[in-house]
Amino acid sequence: MPARSRTVAPPGWSRWLVPPAALSIHLAIGQVYAWSVFKPPLEASLGLSGTASALPFQVAIVMLGLSAAFGGTLVERKGPRWAMAVSALCFCSGFLVAACGAGTRQYWLVVAGYGLIGGTGLGIGYISPVSTLIKWFPDRPGLASGIAIMGFGGGALIASPWSTALLAAFGKDPAGIARTFLVMGLAYGVFMTLGVLLIRVPPDGHGDDEDGRGAGAGAAPARRPAAATARVSARTALRTPQFWCLWVVLCANVTAGIGILEKAAPMITDFFAESSSPVTATTAAGFVGLLSLANMLGRILWSSVSDAVGRKHVYRLYLGAGALMYLLIALTGGSSKPVLIVCAAVILSFYGGGFATVPAYLKDLFGTYQVGAIHGRLLTAWSTAGILGPLIVNAIADAGKSAGHTGPGLYTTSFFLMIGVLALGFAANEFIRPVHPRHHEPAGAETSAAVAPDEGVAL
C-alpha cells in the first residue's frame, strides 16, 4: 500500500475531488443501516429471535467503535488511502465469510464475518475520510464533516431496496441469503476501490491563508477564516471532562436513533399488524430506505446549521426535540402511520446530524492537531450505543411477544427509556465548556498530527 507521502495532492488539485472519494467508502459501509432487511429471513430460515438476529449488527457497531479508536492513530500516521484500502478489504471479506455462514447454516460465521471482520472495516473506513476532509476544509468544518459522512447515512437508501431485490431473486432461504451476501461483497469491493484510488491529503501549509483554502485548493473563497486555536493531543483529550461529556452526548444520541434503525422493518410491521392495512415486506423496506434518506440529509443539513448556530445549540435540538418525537410516538401508538413515519424520520435526521456534527465539535474543543485520533476514541460511545439501543428495543419486544402481546405496545416501554437516555445526554451537553489552555500543546510542537505509538492504545 502506498505511503502517506505518495498521496499528497499535487499543485492545482481541487479539494472538491475529495468528497466523492469519501462518499464511495461511506455509501458502501453505510449498508449496515439496512441490516433490518435481513432480520425477517434470517429469523425464519434459522429459527432466530429478534434479539439473536440483531447480533451481527451489534457486533459490527461495537467493532466499528473499537477499530476506530485504535485505527485513528494509524489513519493519522499512514494516511487515508491506506486506511480506506484496509476498510475495503475487511468490509467486503466480511460479506464473503457471512455468505459461507448463511449457506452452511452456521450462524456464528455470519456474526464473525459481518460483525467482527466487516465491523473492523466499518470503523477504519468511517474515520479515514473525516479527518482528511476537515483538513481540506478548515474554513467549513461542519459542512466538511457532513459531506464526509453523509454517505454513511445514505448507504441504506441504496442497500435496502437492493437487498430486498436480491433476496426476492435468490430466495429467502439460507442459500438465497448466502448468494445475496456474496454479490454485495463483490460489488462493494469494486465500488470502494474507486475511493481508494482517488483520495489525496492536503500539502503542508494548506489552510494557512486567510480564506482557509490553502495552495492549490481550487475552490471558491470561503465565507470566513478558520478560528480554532486549540492544540490538544489525543492522550491529553482523554483527561479532560469535555471529552467524556461529549462521549455521553454522542452515546445518548446514537442509542436513541440506532434502536429504531436496527429494528425498523419489523417495527413498522408490528405496529400495524392488526390494522386494516398491514405493512408488506416491500413497504417495510421502503420505510428503512426513508429513514436512511432522513439519516443522510440530516448529516449535511444539521452539520451546516451547526456552523451558523454553534455545536452546543444544535445538540440541544437533537436531544430535546428527539425526546419529544419519542413521546409523540409513544402516546399516539399505532393509530397513525404518518405520525410514526414522520417522527421516526426526524429522530433519524438528528441521529445522522449528531454524527456529522461531532467531528466539528471536537475540532472546536481540541483543534485539528490530532482530531482524527480523538474522533476515533470518541466513537467507543458508538460501540456502547450499538449494544444498548438494539438490546433495549429487541429485549423488550421479545419479552412482550413471549407474553402474547402484539402491536405498538411491544415498544412503548423502550420508547420511554429512550426519552430518559436523551435527557441524560441533554444534561451532559450543558456541562461542556472550552478546554482550558493548560491542556494545549506548546506552539512549537510537531504539527503533523502524528500520534506516538503508545497513544494508539490509550483508550
Foldseek 3Di string as FASTA:
>chain_A
DDFQVVQADDFQDALVLQLVLLLLLQLLLLLLLLLLLLQVLCCVQLVDALLVSLLLSLLLLLLLLVLLLLCLQVCLRGHLLVLLLQLLVQQLQLLLQLLVCLLVVNVVSNSCSSRVRNSSSNNSSLLRSLLQQCLQALLQNLLSLLSNNLSSLQSLLVNLVLLVVQCVVQHSHSNSSSVSSNVSSVVSSVSSVVSSVRHHHYDPPQLVDFQGRRGSNPDDGHPGHRDADFAFALLLLVVDLQLVLLLLLLLLLLLLLVLCSNNQLVQQQQQCVPPPDGDDSVNSSVLNSLLSNLLSVLSNVLSNVCVVVNDLVSSLCLLVVLLVLLVQCLVCGSPDPVSVSVSSSPSSSSNNNSSSNVLVVCCNAHNSQQSSSNVSNSSSSSSVSSCNNNCLLSVQLSVCVVVVDTHRVSGNVSSVVSNVSSVSSNVSSVPNDHDDNVSGDDPPDDRSSNDPPVSSPSD
